[in-house]
Amino acid sequence: MVEFKFIEYGTDFGTRDMGQKLRQKLMELISRGEKVVLDFTGVNVVSNSFADECIAKLLMEMPLDELKRHTTFRGLNPLAERSVLVALQRRYRVIMEQERKLGITN
């Protein structure tokens, strides 16, 4: 198990640009096959845009079940937790709708 400590990159995460940069770092860790602890301890702000870009867009790289196997969360404050949850739900719905339109079934 490896820890990804968001506090090493700041305390307030609000931009898609930062989300994209950190998603790339997360994908490097996940691709090694280890479980990655997404540690938000000490982080104050996680915007919906950042959560979508950094976390939810991982669903474009792997199915939800695989994402769950490879990641776990720690230290999210209630507002940050809500941002991440909402971003994951929205991205998942978009992907499911796209698959439905393409006739892809799971």
Protein backbone atom coordinates (compact mmCIF):
# COMPACT_ATOMS: atom_id res chain seq x y z
CA MET A 1 0.00 0.00 0.00
CA VAL A 2 1.30 3.45 -0.91
CA GLU A 3 0.09 6.81 0.38
CA PHE A 4 -0.56 9.81 -1.84
CA LYS A 5 -0.52 12.80 0.51
CA PHE A 6 -2.33 15.74 -1.05
CA ILE A 7 -0.95 18.06 1.65
CA GLU A 8 2.43 17.81 -0.10
CA TYR A 9 0.88 19.79 -2.98
CA GLY A 10 -1.12 22.33 -0.97
CA THR A 11 -4.13 22.77 1.28
CA ASP A 12 -6.64 24.21 -1.20
CA PHE A 13 -7.43 22.45 -4.47
CA GLY A 14 -9.71 24.34 -6.81
CA THR A 15 -8.47 24.07 -10.39
CA ARG A 16 -8.81 21.53 -13.15
CA ASP A 17 -5.17 22.16 -14.08
CA MET A 18 -3.94 20.98 -10.67
CA GLY A 19 -6.43 18.11 -10.78
CA GLN A 20 -5.06 16.92 -14.12
CA LYS A 21 -1.46 17.08 -12.88
CA LEU A 22 -2.22 15.11 -9.74
CA ARG A 23 -4.36 12.59 -11.65
CA GLN A 24 -1.32 11.78 -13.79
CA LYS A 25 0.73 11.17 -10.64
CA LEU A 26 -2.05 8.96 -9.23
CA MET A 27 -2.25 6.94 -12.44
CA GLU A 28 1.48 6.25 -12.24
CA LEU A 29 1.01 4.79 -8.75
CA ILE A 30 -2.16 2.88 -9.61
CA SER A 31 -0.57 1.38 -12.73
CA ARG A 32 2.05 -0.29 -10.51
CA GLY A 33 -0.75 -2.44 -9.11
CA GLU A 34 -0.52 -1.22 -5.54
CA LYS A 35 -3.42 0.02 -3.44
CA VAL A 36 -3.16 3.81 -3.21
CA VAL A 37 -4.37 5.67 -0.12
CA LEU A 38 -5.64 9.08 -1.22
CA ASP A 39 -4.77 10.99 1.95
CA PHE A 40 -6.48 14.38 2.22
CA THR A 41 -5.44 14.95 5.84
CA GLY A 42 -4.82 18.68 6.35
CA VAL A 43 -6.51 19.70 3.10
CA ASN A 44 -9.06 22.48 3.55
CA VAL A 45 -10.72 22.85 0.13
CA VAL A 46 -11.49 20.41 -2.67
CA SER A 47 -13.61 22.03 -5.38
CA ASN A 48 -16.01 20.10 -7.58
CA SER A 49 -13.84 20.91 -10.61
CA PHE A 50 -10.69 19.60 -8.96
CA ALA A 51 -12.47 16.48 -7.68
CA ASP A 52 -13.81 15.74 -11.15
CA GLU A 53 -10.48 16.25 -12.89
CA CYS A 54 -8.30 14.49 -10.33
CA ILE A 55 -10.49 11.70 -8.98
CA ALA A 56 -13.62 11.19 -11.09
CA LYS A 57 -11.80 11.18 -14.41
CA LEU A 58 -9.97 8.09 -13.20
CA LEU A 59 -13.22 6.37 -14.21
CA MET A 60 -12.28 7.11 -17.80
CA GLU A 61 -9.14 5.00 -17.26
CA MET A 62 -10.70 2.08 -15.39
CA PRO A 63 -14.12 0.75 -14.32
CA LEU A 64 -15.51 1.74 -10.93
CA ASP A 65 -14.86 -1.70 -9.41
CA GLU A 66 -11.20 -1.51 -10.42
CA LEU A 67 -10.89 2.03 -9.04
CA LYS A 68 -12.32 0.81 -5.73
CA ARG A 69 -9.80 -2.07 -5.64
CA HIS A 70 -6.85 0.24 -6.27
CA THR A 71 -7.76 3.24 -4.09
CA THR A 72 -9.08 4.20 -0.70
CA PHE A 73 -9.64 7.60 0.92
CA ARG A 74 -8.38 9.05 4.18
CA GLY A 75 -8.75 12.40 5.91
CA LEU A 76 -11.47 14.02 3.81
CA ASN A 77 -13.32 16.76 5.65
CA PRO A 78 -17.13 16.71 5.14
CA LEU A 79 -17.17 19.35 2.37
CA ALA A 80 -14.28 17.75 0.49
CA GLU A 81 -15.92 14.34 0.84
CA ARG A 82 -19.11 15.74 -0.69
CA SER A 83 -17.18 17.26 -3.61
CA VAL A 84 -15.47 13.95 -4.36
CA LEU A 85 -18.68 11.95 -4.03
CA VAL A 86 -20.67 14.31 -6.27
CA ALA A 87 -17.88 14.35 -8.88
CA LEU A 88 -17.70 10.55 -8.94
CA GLN A 89 -21.48 10.21 -9.22
CA ARG A 90 -21.71 12.74 -12.05
CA ARG A 91 -18.79 11.26 -14.01
CA TYR A 92 -20.15 7.73 -13.56
CA ARG A 93 -23.56 8.80 -14.91
CA VAL A 94 -21.94 10.46 -17.94
CA ILE A 95 -19.91 7.32 -18.71
CA MET A 96 -22.95 5.05 -18.28
CA GLU A 97 -25.00 7.28 -20.60
CA GLN A 98 -22.26 7.26 -23.23
CA GLU A 99 -22.01 3.48 -23.03
CA ARG A 100 -25.78 3.17 -23.29
CA LYS A 101 -25.79 5.32 -26.45
CA LEU A 102 -23.01 3.19 -27.93
CA GLY A 103 -24.81 -0.03 -27.01
CA ILE A 104 -22.10 -1.16 -24.60
CA THR A 105 -23.32 -3.34 -21.76
CA ASN A 106 -21.46 -4.48 -18.65
